[in-house]
Amino acid sequence: MKFTRLGSSGLSVSRLCLGCMSYGDTTKGWHGDWLLGEEESRPFFRAALEAGINFYDTANGYSGGTSEEITGKLLKEMARRDEIVVATKAFIPWRNAPNTGGLSRKSLMQAIDDSLTRLGMDYVDLFQIHRWDPDTPIEETMEALHDIVKAGKARYVGASSMYAWQFAKAQEAARANRWTPFISMQNQLNLLYREEEREMLPLCEDEGVGVIPWSPLARGRLARPLGEGTVRSETDGVGQSLYQDGDEADAAIITALAALASQRDLPMATLALAWHFTKSPVVAPIIGATKPHHIEAAVAALDVELSGEDIAALEAPYRPKAPTGLGMAMPGMDRVSLNPGRM
């Protein structure tokens, strides 16, 4: 395994992060039938640790909090706490009631305590805001995050998908008030969605912020040839809203990736992940693993060198897209539930 620093911080993380959204109770939250329960998840945590992955990402909103419960329990069984980096997120409402979500001081203080209880940990290494909250002043959010760090409940703070101007505003609020700044940005980046290359990636590089992309395989679309489906692809409403399977440019990219995979005798997923390491300041793509070969294919990406011609062939068919993934309109979740009394 290869390791690097997360942004300009001193935190050392593996070049791959295991995303734990796939592990949880299928009867809770907004995820589908492809989720794995505790015992089904156990081999994947073991395989990730044996591969040298020390970075694990979850969220309070994944499967009604059961992802955090499984993640905390299995890591406690298998790893030394001081050797692993555990990240979680807050923003998604946990009930449809005032103050049970969003990024207010009250909500964040409750969210971190609840997450620590589910994880069975005294602290998380990285506490991230899951999205931008238009109903809360960013100064309130940044001061609350700073206080969470100073209370020892989180070591660092990070952000997730938002517009570049919003991220810049948050960082400036932290600087101006000498609060803890974000060290990471978790955003959507893959061969089918490259809009972050316009502003967010250059901003993060300039700010010394590490990028940890979510959905690096476009919810599996970059891991298999056109026409092949899975249980997740057929039931994942979020993925269907993010990627239009009939998009001609996307189809051309997947075809080019399949051709390169055949030429190099490598899995498509391996090459799609290797592409991320050609983008600065990407630190660690967040990989999902629900089948035995998933982690093996991801680790193999660390040793793949893509030529300029390879990159050009994969990128040439891309066409600009409207921004997606910036809001949190998930199935069964009403965005106005953040502040039910506000019109």
C-alpha atoms as a PDB file:
ATOM      1  CA  MET A   1       0.000   0.000   0.000  1.00  0.00           C
ATOM      2  CA  LYS A   2       1.098   3.554  -0.678  1.00  0.00           C
ATOM      3  CA  PHE A   3       0.487   6.369   1.786  1.00  0.00           C
ATOM      4  CA  THR A   4       0.430  10.147   1.561  1.00  0.00           C
ATOM      5  CA  ARG A   5      -0.592  13.178   3.594  1.00  0.00           C
ATOM      6  CA  LEU A   6      -4.174  14.353   3.487  1.00  0.00           C
ATOM      7  CA  GLY A   7      -3.798  17.810   2.020  1.00  0.00           C
ATOM      8  CA  SER A   8      -1.317  20.001   3.861  1.00  0.00           C
ATOM      9  CA  SER A   9      -2.063  18.292   7.186  1.00  0.00           C
ATOM     10  CA  GLY A  10       0.224  15.817   8.909  1.00  0.00           C
ATOM     11  CA  LEU A  11      -2.379  13.044   8.683  1.00  0.00           C
ATOM     12  CA  SER A  12      -1.064   9.985   6.823  1.00  0.00           C
ATOM     13  CA  VAL A  13      -3.650   8.049   4.802  1.00  0.00           C
ATOM     14  CA  SER A  14      -3.592   5.167   2.343  1.00  0.00           C
ATOM     15  CA  ARG A  15      -4.053   6.068  -1.319  1.00  0.00           C
ATOM     16  CA  LEU A  16      -7.363   4.198  -1.212  1.00  0.00           C
ATOM     17  CA  CYS A  17     -10.227   4.785   1.217  1.00  0.00           C
ATOM     18  CA  LEU A  18     -12.813   2.088   1.912  1.00  0.00           C
ATOM     19  CA  GLY A  19     -16.263   3.623   1.618  1.00  0.00           C
ATOM     20  CA  CYS A  20     -18.603   2.009   4.153  1.00  0.00           C
ATOM     21  CA  MET A  21     -21.916   3.096   2.638  1.00  0.00           C
ATOM     22  CA  SER A  22     -22.304  -0.473   1.339  1.00  0.00           C
ATOM     23  CA  TYR A  23     -22.494  -1.886   4.854  1.00  0.00           C
ATOM     24  CA  GLY A  24     -25.677  -1.490   6.887  1.00  0.00           C
ATOM     25  CA  ASP A  25     -29.228  -2.583   7.589  1.00  0.00           C
ATOM     26  CA  THR A  26     -31.279  -2.775   4.391  1.00  0.00           C
ATOM     27  CA  THR A  27     -34.460  -1.930   6.304  1.00  0.00           C
ATOM     28  CA  LYS A  28     -33.209   1.459   7.480  1.00  0.00           C
ATOM     29  CA  GLY A  29     -32.276   4.662   5.687  1.00  0.00           C
ATOM     30  CA  TRP A  30     -32.425   5.275   1.950  1.00  0.00           C
ATOM     31  CA  HIS A  31     -30.108   2.618   0.545  1.00  0.00           C
ATOM     32  CA  GLY A  32     -31.137  -0.463  -1.421  1.00  0.00           C
ATOM     33  CA  ASP A  33     -31.062  -4.241  -1.457  1.00  0.00           C
ATOM     34  CA  TRP A  34     -27.363  -4.340  -2.351  1.00  0.00           C
ATOM     35  CA  LEU A  35     -26.298  -3.505   1.213  1.00  0.00           C
ATOM     36  CA  LEU A  36     -24.322  -6.031   3.255  1.00  0.00           C
ATOM     37  CA  GLY A  37     -25.057  -6.758   6.907  1.00  0.00           C
ATOM     38  CA  GLU A  38     -22.469  -7.129   9.640  1.00  0.00           C
ATOM     39  CA  GLU A  39     -21.364 -10.697   8.965  1.00  0.00           C
ATOM     40  CA  GLU A  40     -21.388 -10.203   5.192  1.00  0.00           C
ATOM     41  CA  SER A  41     -19.298  -7.041   5.647  1.00  0.00           C
ATOM     42  CA  ARG A  42     -16.658  -8.632   7.857  1.00  0.00           C
ATOM     43  CA  PRO A  43     -14.522 -10.166   5.032  1.00  0.00           C
ATOM     44  CA  PHE A  44     -14.264  -6.799   3.280  1.00  0.00           C
ATOM     45  CA  PHE A  45     -12.915  -4.988   6.334  1.00  0.00           C
ATOM     46  CA  ARG A  46     -10.433  -7.830   6.830  1.00  0.00           C
ATOM     47  CA  ALA A  47      -9.360  -7.712   3.185  1.00  0.00           C
ATOM     48  CA  ALA A  48      -8.982  -3.923   3.271  1.00  0.00           C
ATOM     49  CA  LEU A  49      -6.845  -4.022   6.405  1.00  0.00           C
ATOM     50  CA  GLU A  50      -4.705  -6.837   5.026  1.00  0.00           C
ATOM     51  CA  ALA A  51      -4.200  -4.780   1.857  1.00  0.00           C
ATOM     52  CA  GLY A  52      -2.869  -1.928   4.003  1.00  0.00           C
ATOM     53  CA  ILE A  53      -5.883   0.393   3.732  1.00  0.00           C
ATOM     54  CA  ASN A  54      -5.991   2.547   6.870  1.00  0.00           C
ATOM     55  CA  PHE A  55      -8.686   5.034   5.748  1.00  0.00           C
ATOM     56  CA  TYR A  56     -12.431   4.337   6.297  1.00  0.00           C
ATOM     57  CA  ASP A  57     -15.325   6.657   5.436  1.00  0.00           C
ATOM     58  CA  THR A  58     -18.928   6.487   6.604  1.00  0.00           C
ATOM     59  CA  ALA A  59     -21.751   8.925   7.516  1.00  0.00           C
ATOM     60  CA  ASN A  60     -24.519   9.335  10.027  1.00  0.00           C
ATOM     61  CA  GLY A  61     -27.088   9.155   7.220  1.00  0.00           C
ATOM     62  CA  TYR A  62     -25.976   5.831   5.751  1.00  0.00           C
ATOM     63  CA  SER A  63     -28.617   3.180   6.453  1.00  0.00           C
ATOM     64  CA  GLY A  64     -30.047   5.063   9.395  1.00  0.00           C
ATOM     65  CA  GLY A  65     -26.703   5.079  11.204  1.00  0.00           C
ATOM     66  CA  THR A  66     -26.183   1.305  10.981  1.00  0.00           C
ATOM     67  CA  SER A  67     -23.192   1.799   8.667  1.00  0.00           C
ATOM     68  CA  GLU A  68     -21.427   3.598  11.509  1.00  0.00           C
ATOM     69  CA  GLU A  69     -22.343   0.812  13.914  1.00  0.00           C
ATOM     70  CA  ILE A  70     -20.911  -1.910  11.657  1.00  0.00           C
ATOM     71  CA  THR A  71     -17.836   0.148  10.779  1.00  0.00           C
ATOM     72  CA  GLY A  72     -17.014   0.879  14.414  1.00  0.00           C
ATOM     73  CA  LYS A  73     -17.587  -2.664  15.626  1.00  0.00           C
ATOM     74  CA  LEU A  74     -15.536  -4.398  12.941  1.00  0.00           C
ATOM     75  CA  LEU A  75     -12.643  -1.956  13.069  1.00  0.00           C
ATOM     76  CA  LYS A  76     -12.505  -2.289  16.842  1.00  0.00           C
ATOM     77  CA  GLU A  77     -12.239  -6.062  16.446  1.00  0.00           C
ATOM     78  CA  MET A  78      -9.608  -6.004  13.718  1.00  0.00           C
ATOM     79  CA  ALA A  79      -7.444  -2.888  14.010  1.00  0.00           C
ATOM     80  CA  ARG A  80      -5.504  -0.698  16.415  1.00  0.00           C
ATOM     81  CA  ARG A  81      -7.292   2.630  16.801  1.00  0.00           C
ATOM     82  CA  ASP A  82      -4.126   4.684  16.511  1.00  0.00           C
ATOM     83  CA  GLU A  83      -3.247   3.069  13.162  1.00  0.00           C
ATOM     84  CA  ILE A  84      -6.501   3.733  11.330  1.00  0.00           C
ATOM     85  CA  VAL A  85      -8.178   6.900  10.066  1.00  0.00           C
ATOM     86  CA  VAL A  86     -11.945   6.977  10.555  1.00  0.00           C
ATOM     87  CA  ALA A  87     -14.072   9.590   8.814  1.00  0.00           C
ATOM     88  CA  THR A  88     -17.780  10.279   9.134  1.00  0.00           C
ATOM     89  CA  LYS A  89     -20.171  12.981   7.966  1.00  0.00           C
ATOM     90  CA  ALA A  90     -23.162  14.997   9.146  1.00  0.00           C
ATOM     91  CA  PHE A  91     -25.933  17.000   7.461  1.00  0.00           C
ATOM     92  CA  ILE A  92     -28.614  14.491   6.458  1.00  0.00           C
ATOM     93  CA  PRO A  93     -31.687  14.763   8.733  1.00  0.00           C
ATOM     94  CA  TRP A  94     -32.096  11.816  11.089  1.00  0.00           C
ATOM     95  CA  ARG A  95     -35.783  12.632  11.648  1.00  0.00           C
ATOM     96  CA  ASN A  96     -38.248  14.895   9.883  1.00  0.00           C
ATOM     97  CA  ALA A  97     -38.260  17.471  12.660  1.00  0.00           C
ATOM     98  CA  PRO A  98     -36.605  20.836  13.358  1.00  0.00           C
ATOM     99  CA  ASN A  99     -32.883  20.736  14.201  1.00  0.00           C
ATOM    100  CA  THR A 100     -32.467  17.041  13.327  1.00  0.00           C
ATOM    101  CA  GLY A 101     -30.144  17.702  10.419  1.00  0.00           C
ATOM    102  CA  GLY A 102     -28.311  20.498   8.656  1.00  0.00           C
ATOM    103  CA  LEU A 103     -25.213  22.325   9.864  1.00  0.00           C
ATOM    104  CA  SER A 104     -26.426  24.458  12.757  1.00  0.00           C
ATOM    105  CA  ARG A 105     -24.397  24.436  15.948  1.00  0.00           C
ATOM    106  CA  LYS A 106     -27.137  22.491  17.716  1.00  0.00           C
ATOM    107  CA  SER A 107     -27.366  19.862  14.970  1.00  0.00           C
ATOM    108  CA  LEU A 108     -23.609  19.374  14.612  1.00  0.00           C
ATOM    109  CA  MET A 109     -23.069  18.994  18.354  1.00  0.00           C
ATOM    110  CA  GLN A 110     -25.801  16.349  18.470  1.00  0.00           C
ATOM    111  CA  ALA A 111     -24.575  14.646  15.300  1.00  0.00           C
ATOM    112  CA  ILE A 112     -20.988  14.179  16.467  1.00  0.00           C
ATOM    113  CA  ASP A 113     -22.097  12.734  19.815  1.00  0.00           C
ATOM    114  CA  ASP A 114     -24.525  10.354  18.123  1.00  0.00           C
ATOM    115  CA  SER A 115     -21.888   9.245  15.591  1.00  0.00           C
ATOM    116  CA  LEU A 116     -19.324   8.572  18.301  1.00  0.00           C
ATOM    117  CA  THR A 117     -21.876   6.489  20.194  1.00  0.00           C
ATOM    118  CA  ARG A 118     -22.671   4.392  17.112  1.00  0.00           C
ATOM    119  CA  LEU A 119     -18.997   4.006  16.206  1.00  0.00           C
ATOM    120  CA  GLY A 120     -18.074   3.145  19.793  1.00  0.00           C
ATOM    121  CA  MET A 121     -15.179   5.602  19.617  1.00  0.00           C
ATOM    122  CA  ASP A 122     -13.982   8.580  21.636  1.00  0.00           C
ATOM    123  CA  TYR A 123     -13.148  10.580  18.512  1.00  0.00           C
ATOM    124  CA  VAL A 124     -13.160  10.489  14.725  1.00  0.00           C
ATOM    125  CA  ASP A 125     -10.127  11.472  12.726  1.00  0.00           C
ATOM    126  CA  LEU A 126     -12.085  13.387  10.096  1.00  0.00           C
ATOM    127  CA  PHE A 127     -15.518  14.965  10.663  1.00  0.00           C
ATOM    128  CA  GLN A 128     -17.042  16.188   7.403  1.00  0.00           C
ATOM    129  CA  ILE A 129     -20.032  18.292   6.456  1.00  0.00           C
ATOM    130  CA  HIS A 130     -21.981  16.155   3.990  1.00  0.00           C
ATOM    131  CA  ARG A 131     -23.227  19.121   1.936  1.00  0.00           C
ATOM    132  CA  TRP A 132     -23.655  22.901   2.110  1.00  0.00           C
ATOM    133  CA  ASP A 133     -26.492  24.150   4.308  1.00  0.00           C
ATOM    134  CA  PRO A 134     -28.097  27.279   2.787  1.00  0.00           C
ATOM    135  CA  ASP A 135     -30.130  27.855   5.966  1.00  0.00           C
ATOM    136  CA  THR A 136     -27.189  28.223   8.377  1.00  0.00           C
ATOM    137  CA  PRO A 137     -24.550  30.996   8.313  1.00  0.00           C
ATOM    138  CA  ILE A 138     -21.219  29.453   7.413  1.00  0.00           C
ATOM    139  CA  GLU A 139     -19.635  31.248  10.385  1.00  0.00           C
ATOM    140  CA  GLU A 140     -21.917  29.311  12.741  1.00  0.00           C
ATOM    141  CA  THR A 141     -20.965  26.029  11.088  1.00  0.00           C
ATOM    142  CA  MET A 142     -17.217  26.682  11.063  1.00  0.00           C
ATOM    143  CA  GLU A 143     -17.139  27.800  14.694  1.00  0.00           C
ATOM    144  CA  ALA A 144     -19.091  24.702  15.757  1.00  0.00           C
ATOM    145  CA  LEU A 145     -16.675  22.459  13.842  1.00  0.00           C
ATOM    146  CA  HIS A 146     -13.735  24.266  15.458  1.00  0.00           C
ATOM    147  CA  ASP A 147     -15.225  23.685  18.903  1.00  0.00           C
ATOM    148  CA  ILE A 148     -15.750  19.994  18.108  1.00  0.00           C
ATOM    149  CA  VAL A 149     -12.058  19.725  17.250  1.00  0.00           C
ATOM    150  CA  LYS A 150     -11.010  21.613  20.375  1.00  0.00           C
ATOM    151  CA  ALA A 151     -13.228  19.332  22.480  1.00  0.00           C
ATOM    152  CA  GLY A 152     -11.232  16.359  21.180  1.00  0.00           C
ATOM    153  CA  LYS A 153     -14.184  14.765  19.387  1.00  0.00           C
ATOM    154  CA  ALA A 154     -12.585  15.146  15.944  1.00  0.00           C
ATOM    155  CA  ARG A 155      -8.980  15.543  14.909  1.00  0.00           C
ATOM    156  CA  TYR A 156      -9.641  17.288  11.583  1.00  0.00           C
ATOM    157  CA  VAL A 157     -12.589  18.584   9.574  1.00  0.00           C
ATOM    158  CA  GLY A 158     -13.489  18.183   5.925  1.00  0.00           C
ATOM    159  CA  ALA A 159     -16.224  19.085   3.456  1.00  0.00           C
ATOM    160  CA  SER A 160     -18.139  17.341   0.689  1.00  0.00           C
ATOM    161  CA  SER A 161     -19.749  18.325  -2.606  1.00  0.00           C
ATOM    162  CA  MET A 162     -20.565  22.005  -2.998  1.00  0.00           C
ATOM    163  CA  TYR A 163     -19.749  24.867  -5.344  1.00  0.00           C
ATOM    164  CA  ALA A 164     -16.194  26.175  -5.319  1.00  0.00           C
ATOM    165  CA  TRP A 165     -17.312  29.623  -4.170  1.00  0.00           C
ATOM    166  CA  GLN A 166     -19.017  28.048  -1.164  1.00  0.00           C
ATOM    167  CA  PHE A 167     -15.914  26.111  -0.199  1.00  0.00           C
ATOM    168  CA  ALA A 168     -13.770  29.239  -0.586  1.00  0.00           C
ATOM    169  CA  LYS A 169     -16.197  31.163   1.618  1.00  0.00           C
ATOM    170  CA  ALA A 170     -15.996  28.499   4.343  1.00  0.00           C
ATOM    171  CA  GLN A 171     -12.197  28.465   4.283  1.00  0.00           C
ATOM    172  CA  GLU A 172     -12.051  32.252   4.481  1.00  0.00           C
ATOM    173  CA  ALA A 173     -14.448  32.263   7.459  1.00  0.00           C
ATOM    174  CA  ALA A 174     -12.106  29.855   9.250  1.00  0.00           C
ATOM    175  CA  ARG A 175      -9.022  31.910   8.394  1.00  0.00           C
ATOM    176  CA  ALA A 176     -10.542  35.225   9.390  1.00  0.00           C
ATOM    177  CA  ASN A 177     -11.600  33.913  12.800  1.00  0.00           C
ATOM    178  CA  ARG A 178      -8.647  31.595  13.411  1.00  0.00           C
ATOM    179  CA  TRP A 179     -10.917  28.547  13.417  1.00  0.00           C
ATOM    180  CA  THR A 180     -10.005  25.073  12.175  1.00  0.00           C
ATOM    181  CA  PRO A 181     -10.053  24.976   8.333  1.00  0.00           C
ATOM    182  CA  PHE A 182     -11.043  22.067   6.133  1.00  0.00           C
ATOM    183  CA  ILE A 183      -8.201  19.734   5.145  1.00  0.00           C
ATOM    184  CA  SER A 184     -10.212  17.658   2.666  1.00  0.00           C
ATOM    185  CA  MET A 185     -12.883  17.835  -0.009  1.00  0.00           C
ATOM    186  CA  GLN A 186     -14.982  14.748  -0.747  1.00  0.00           C
ATOM    187  CA  ASN A 187     -16.564  15.362  -4.140  1.00  0.00           C
ATOM    188  CA  GLN A 188     -17.854  13.499  -7.166  1.00  0.00           C
ATOM    189  CA  LEU A 189     -15.092  12.809  -9.671  1.00  0.00           C
ATOM    190  CA  ASN A 190     -14.758  10.086 -12.285  1.00  0.00           C
ATOM    191  CA  LEU A 191     -14.381   9.609 -16.028  1.00  0.00           C
ATOM    192  CA  LEU A 192     -18.110  10.226 -16.522  1.00  0.00           C
ATOM    193  CA  TYR A 193     -18.255  13.328 -14.296  1.00  0.00           C
ATOM    194  CA  ARG A 194     -15.319  15.738 -14.550  1.00  0.00           C
ATOM    195  CA  GLU A 195     -16.990  19.064 -13.793  1.00  0.00           C
ATOM    196  CA  GLU A 196     -14.889  19.377 -10.608  1.00  0.00           C
ATOM    197  CA  GLU A 197     -11.793  19.883 -12.780  1.00  0.00           C
ATOM    198  CA  ARG A 198     -13.016  23.357 -13.710  1.00  0.00           C
ATOM    199  CA  GLU A 199     -12.848  25.115 -10.340  1.00  0.00           C
ATOM    200  CA  MET A 200     -12.867  22.814  -7.322  1.00  0.00           C
ATOM    201  CA  LEU A 201      -9.693  20.849  -8.053  1.00  0.00           C
ATOM    202  CA  PRO A 202      -7.597  23.967  -8.782  1.00  0.00           C
ATOM    203  CA  LEU A 203      -8.998  25.636  -5.659  1.00  0.00           C
ATOM    204  CA  CYS A 204      -8.130  22.615  -3.513  1.00  0.00           C
ATOM    205  CA  GLU A 205      -4.618  22.452  -4.947  1.00  0.00           C
ATOM    206  CA  ASP A 206      -4.101  26.157  -4.231  1.00  0.00           C
ATOM    207  CA  GLU A 207      -5.491  25.785  -0.687  1.00  0.00           C
ATOM    208  CA  GLY A 208      -3.509  22.638   0.127  1.00  0.00           C
ATOM    209  CA  VAL A 209      -6.708  20.593   0.483  1.00  0.00           C
ATOM    210  CA  GLY A 210      -6.696  16.869  -0.236  1.00  0.00           C
ATOM    211  CA  VAL A 211      -9.393  15.501  -2.548  1.00  0.00           C
ATOM    212  CA  ILE A 212     -11.030  12.152  -1.720  1.00  0.00           C
ATOM    213  CA  PRO A 213     -13.457  11.490  -4.603  1.00  0.00           C
ATOM    214  CA  TRP A 214     -16.733   9.685  -4.061  1.00  0.00           C
ATOM    215  CA  SER A 215     -18.209   7.446  -6.758  1.00  0.00           C
ATOM    216  CA  PRO A 216     -14.851   7.042  -8.554  1.00  0.00           C
ATOM    217  CA  LEU A 217     -16.389   4.223 -10.619  1.00  0.00           C
ATOM    218  CA  ALA A 218     -19.647   6.101 -11.312  1.00  0.00           C
ATOM    219  CA  ARG A 219     -21.680   3.708  -9.142  1.00  0.00           C
ATOM    220  CA  GLY A 220     -20.140   0.725 -10.969  1.00  0.00           C
ATOM    221  CA  ARG A 221     -20.697   1.946 -14.513  1.00  0.00           C
ATOM    222  CA  LEU A 222     -16.934   2.158 -15.075  1.00  0.00           C
ATOM    223  CA  ALA A 223     -16.370  -1.363 -13.776  1.00  0.00           C
ATOM    224  CA  ARG A 224     -18.259  -3.316 -16.426  1.00  0.00           C
ATOM    225  CA  PRO A 225     -18.958  -3.217 -20.186  1.00  0.00           C
ATOM    226  CA  LEU A 226     -22.062  -1.551 -21.553  1.00  0.00           C
ATOM    227  CA  GLY A 227     -25.189  -3.607 -21.137  1.00  0.00           C
ATOM    228  CA  GLU A 228     -24.135  -5.478 -18.017  1.00  0.00           C
ATOM    229  CA  GLY A 229     -26.293  -4.763 -14.978  1.00  0.00           C
ATOM    230  CA  THR A 230     -26.191  -5.544 -11.280  1.00  0.00           C
ATOM    231  CA  VAL A 231     -28.693  -5.559  -8.426  1.00  0.00           C
ATOM    232  CA  ARG A 232     -27.368  -2.182  -7.368  1.00  0.00           C
ATOM    233  CA  SER A 233     -27.595  -0.617 -10.824  1.00  0.00           C
ATOM    234  CA  GLU A 234     -31.212  -1.735 -11.059  1.00  0.00           C
ATOM    235  CA  THR A 235     -32.277  -0.547  -7.583  1.00  0.00           C
ATOM    236  CA  ASP A 236     -29.966   2.400  -6.874  1.00  0.00           C
ATOM    237  CA  GLY A 237     -32.174   5.449  -7.348  1.00  0.00           C
ATOM    238  CA  VAL A 238     -29.346   7.834  -6.473  1.00  0.00           C
ATOM    239  CA  GLY A 239     -27.088   6.369  -9.150  1.00  0.00           C
ATOM    240  CA  GLN A 240     -29.855   6.571 -11.714  1.00  0.00           C
ATOM    241  CA  SER A 241     -30.317  10.252 -10.939  1.00  0.00           C
ATOM    242  CA  LEU A 242     -26.582  10.981 -11.191  1.00  0.00           C
ATOM    243  CA  TYR A 243     -25.838   9.124 -14.422  1.00  0.00           C
ATOM    244  CA  GLN A 244     -28.026   8.799 -17.503  1.00  0.00           C
ATOM    245  CA  ASP A 245     -27.370   5.355 -18.937  1.00  0.00           C
ATOM    246  CA  GLY A 246     -28.390   6.468 -22.424  1.00  0.00           C
ATOM    247  CA  ASP A 247     -25.807   9.268 -22.591  1.00  0.00           C
ATOM    248  CA  GLU A 248     -23.819   8.829 -25.832  1.00  0.00           C
ATOM    249  CA  ALA A 249     -20.655  10.469 -24.504  1.00  0.00           C
ATOM    250  CA  ASP A 250     -20.698   8.265 -21.419  1.00  0.00           C
ATOM    251  CA  ALA A 251     -21.180   5.201 -23.596  1.00  0.00           C
ATOM    252  CA  ALA A 252     -18.167   6.191 -25.698  1.00  0.00           C
ATOM    253  CA  ILE A 253     -16.041   6.623 -22.559  1.00  0.00           C
ATOM    254  CA  ILE A 254     -17.067   3.209 -21.210  1.00  0.00           C
ATOM    255  CA  THR A 255     -16.313   1.643 -24.606  1.00  0.00           C
ATOM    256  CA  ALA A 256     -12.869   3.275 -24.695  1.00  0.00           C
ATOM    257  CA  LEU A 257     -12.195   2.092 -21.146  1.00  0.00           C
ATOM    258  CA  ALA A 258     -13.232  -1.470 -22.014  1.00  0.00           C
ATOM    259  CA  ALA A 259     -10.933  -1.422 -25.062  1.00  0.00           C
ATOM    260  CA  LEU A 260      -7.978  -0.214 -22.985  1.00  0.00           C
ATOM    261  CA  ALA A 261      -8.713  -2.818 -20.315  1.00  0.00           C
ATOM    262  CA  SER A 262      -8.655  -5.538 -22.945  1.00  0.00           C
ATOM    263  CA  GLN A 263      -5.407  -4.177 -24.385  1.00  0.00           C
ATOM    264  CA  ARG A 264      -3.730  -3.953 -20.973  1.00  0.00           C
ATOM    265  CA  ASP A 265      -5.325  -7.185 -19.667  1.00  0.00           C
ATOM    266  CA  LEU A 266      -6.571  -5.363 -16.594  1.00  0.00           C
ATOM    267  CA  PRO A 267     -10.019  -4.895 -15.029  1.00  0.00           C
ATOM    268  CA  MET A 268     -11.888  -1.809 -16.148  1.00  0.00           C
ATOM    269  CA  ALA A 269     -12.203  -0.740 -12.503  1.00  0.00           C
ATOM    270  CA  THR A 270      -8.432  -0.820 -12.080  1.00  0.00           C
ATOM    271  CA  LEU A 271      -7.873   1.538 -15.004  1.00  0.00           C
ATOM    272  CA  ALA A 272     -10.750   3.840 -14.026  1.00  0.00           C
ATOM    273  CA  LEU A 273      -9.248   4.213 -10.553  1.00  0.00           C
ATOM    274  CA  ALA A 274      -5.721   4.657 -11.922  1.00  0.00           C
ATOM    275  CA  TRP A 275      -7.002   7.662 -13.898  1.00  0.00           C
ATOM    276  CA  HIS A 276      -7.683   9.455 -10.602  1.00  0.00           C
ATOM    277  CA  PHE A 277      -4.013   9.375  -9.672  1.00  0.00           C
ATOM    278  CA  THR A 278      -3.250  11.489 -12.733  1.00  0.00           C
ATOM    279  CA  LYS A 279      -5.326  14.308 -11.221  1.00  0.00           C
ATOM    280  CA  SER A 280      -3.842  16.646  -8.649  1.00  0.00           C
ATOM    281  CA  PRO A 281      -4.674  17.018  -5.749  1.00  0.00           C
ATOM    282  CA  VAL A 282      -6.492  13.658  -5.554  1.00  0.00           C
ATOM    283  CA  VAL A 283      -5.328  11.776  -2.456  1.00  0.00           C
ATOM    284  CA  ALA A 284      -7.529   8.690  -2.134  1.00  0.00           C
ATOM    285  CA  PRO A 285     -10.570   7.625  -4.167  1.00  0.00           C
ATOM    286  CA  ILE A 286     -13.316   6.219  -1.931  1.00  0.00           C
ATOM    287  CA  ILE A 287     -13.953   2.687  -3.144  1.00  0.00           C
ATOM    288  CA  GLY A 288     -16.979   0.501  -2.494  1.00  0.00           C
ATOM    289  CA  ALA A 289     -16.481  -3.253  -2.066  1.00  0.00           C
ATOM    290  CA  THR A 290     -19.277  -5.823  -2.075  1.00  0.00           C
ATOM    291  CA  LYS A 291     -17.566  -8.630  -4.008  1.00  0.00           C
ATOM    292  CA  PRO A 292     -14.230 -10.346  -3.240  1.00  0.00           C
ATOM    293  CA  HIS A 293     -12.425  -9.009  -6.310  1.00  0.00           C
ATOM    294  CA  HIS A 294     -13.328  -5.352  -5.713  1.00  0.00           C
ATOM    295  CA  ILE A 295     -10.517  -4.568  -3.272  1.00  0.00           C
ATOM    296  CA  GLU A 296      -7.963  -6.534  -5.304  1.00  0.00           C
ATOM    297  CA  ALA A 297      -8.850  -4.577  -8.452  1.00  0.00           C
ATOM    298  CA  ALA A 298      -8.617  -1.280  -6.561  1.00  0.00           C
ATOM    299  CA  VAL A 299      -5.224  -2.013  -5.021  1.00  0.00           C
ATOM    300  CA  ALA A 300      -3.879  -2.969  -8.454  1.00  0.00           C
ATOM    301  CA  ALA A 301      -4.602   0.589  -9.642  1.00  0.00           C
ATOM    302  CA  LEU A 302      -1.784   1.920  -7.459  1.00  0.00           C
ATOM    303  CA  ASP A 303       0.802   0.280  -9.714  1.00  0.00           C
ATOM    304  CA  VAL A 304      -0.733   1.226 -13.072  1.00  0.00           C
ATOM    305  CA  GLU A 305       0.916   3.921 -15.176  1.00  0.00           C
ATOM    306  CA  LEU A 306      -1.316   5.552 -17.778  1.00  0.00           C
ATOM    307  CA  SER A 307       0.404   7.123 -20.761  1.00  0.00           C
ATOM    308  CA  GLY A 308      -0.598  10.448 -22.222  1.00  0.00           C
ATOM    309  CA  GLU A 309      -2.192   8.549 -25.083  1.00  0.00           C
ATOM    310  CA  ASP A 310      -4.164   6.361 -22.671  1.00  0.00           C
ATOM    311  CA  ILE A 311      -5.496   9.384 -20.813  1.00  0.00           C
ATOM    312  CA  ALA A 312      -6.400  11.165 -24.028  1.00  0.00           C
ATOM    313  CA  ALA A 313      -8.312   8.133 -25.302  1.00  0.00           C
ATOM    314  CA  LEU A 314     -10.320   7.923 -22.065  1.00  0.00           C
ATOM    315  CA  GLU A 315     -11.033  11.636 -21.831  1.00  0.00           C
ATOM    316  CA  ALA A 316     -11.689  12.562 -25.471  1.00  0.00           C
ATOM    317  CA  PRO A 317     -15.379  11.565 -25.629  1.00  0.00           C
ATOM    318  CA  TYR A 318     -16.327  13.604 -22.533  1.00  0.00           C
ATOM    319  CA  ARG A 319     -18.926  16.314 -22.908  1.00  0.00           C
ATOM    320  CA  PRO A 320     -19.746  18.968 -20.248  1.00  0.00           C
ATOM    321  CA  LYS A 321     -22.584  18.188 -17.855  1.00  0.00           C
ATOM    322  CA  ALA A 322     -24.799  20.171 -15.545  1.00  0.00           C
ATOM    323  CA  PRO A 323     -23.567  19.939 -11.938  1.00  0.00           C
ATOM    324  CA  THR A 324     -24.976  16.953 -10.039  1.00  0.00           C
ATOM    325  CA  GLY A 325     -24.531  15.539  -6.564  1.00  0.00           C
ATOM    326  CA  LEU A 326     -24.443  18.958  -4.878  1.00  0.00           C
ATOM    327  CA  GLY A 327     -27.803  18.625  -3.112  1.00  0.00           C
ATOM    328  CA  MET A 328     -29.004  15.859  -0.845  1.00  0.00           C
ATOM    329  CA  ALA A 329     -32.378  15.060  -2.379  1.00  0.00           C
ATOM    330  CA  MET A 330     -32.291  11.372  -1.526  1.00  0.00           C
ATOM    331  CA  PRO A 331     -35.224   8.977  -1.766  1.00  0.00           C
ATOM    332  CA  GLY A 332     -37.499   9.400   1.230  1.00  0.00           C
ATOM    333  CA  MET A 333     -35.817  12.635   2.299  1.00  0.00           C
ATOM    334  CA  ASP A 334     -37.440  16.025   1.861  1.00  0.00           C
ATOM    335  CA  ARG A 335     -34.864  18.806   1.652  1.00  0.00           C
ATOM    336  CA  VAL A 336     -37.193  21.274   3.392  1.00  0.00           C
ATOM    337  CA  SER A 337     -37.138  19.008   6.447  1.00  0.00           C
ATOM    338  CA  LEU A 338     -34.012  20.834   7.577  1.00  0.00           C
ATOM    339  CA  ASN A 339     -36.216  23.696   8.687  1.00  0.00           C
ATOM    340  CA  PRO A 340     -39.855  22.599   8.461  1.00  0.00           C
ATOM    341  CA  GLY A 341     -41.133  25.949   9.695  1.00  0.00           C
ATOM    342  CA  ARG A 342     -39.326  28.020   7.056  1.00  0.00           C
ATOM    343  CA  MET A 343     -41.174  28.920   3.852  1.00  0.00           C
END
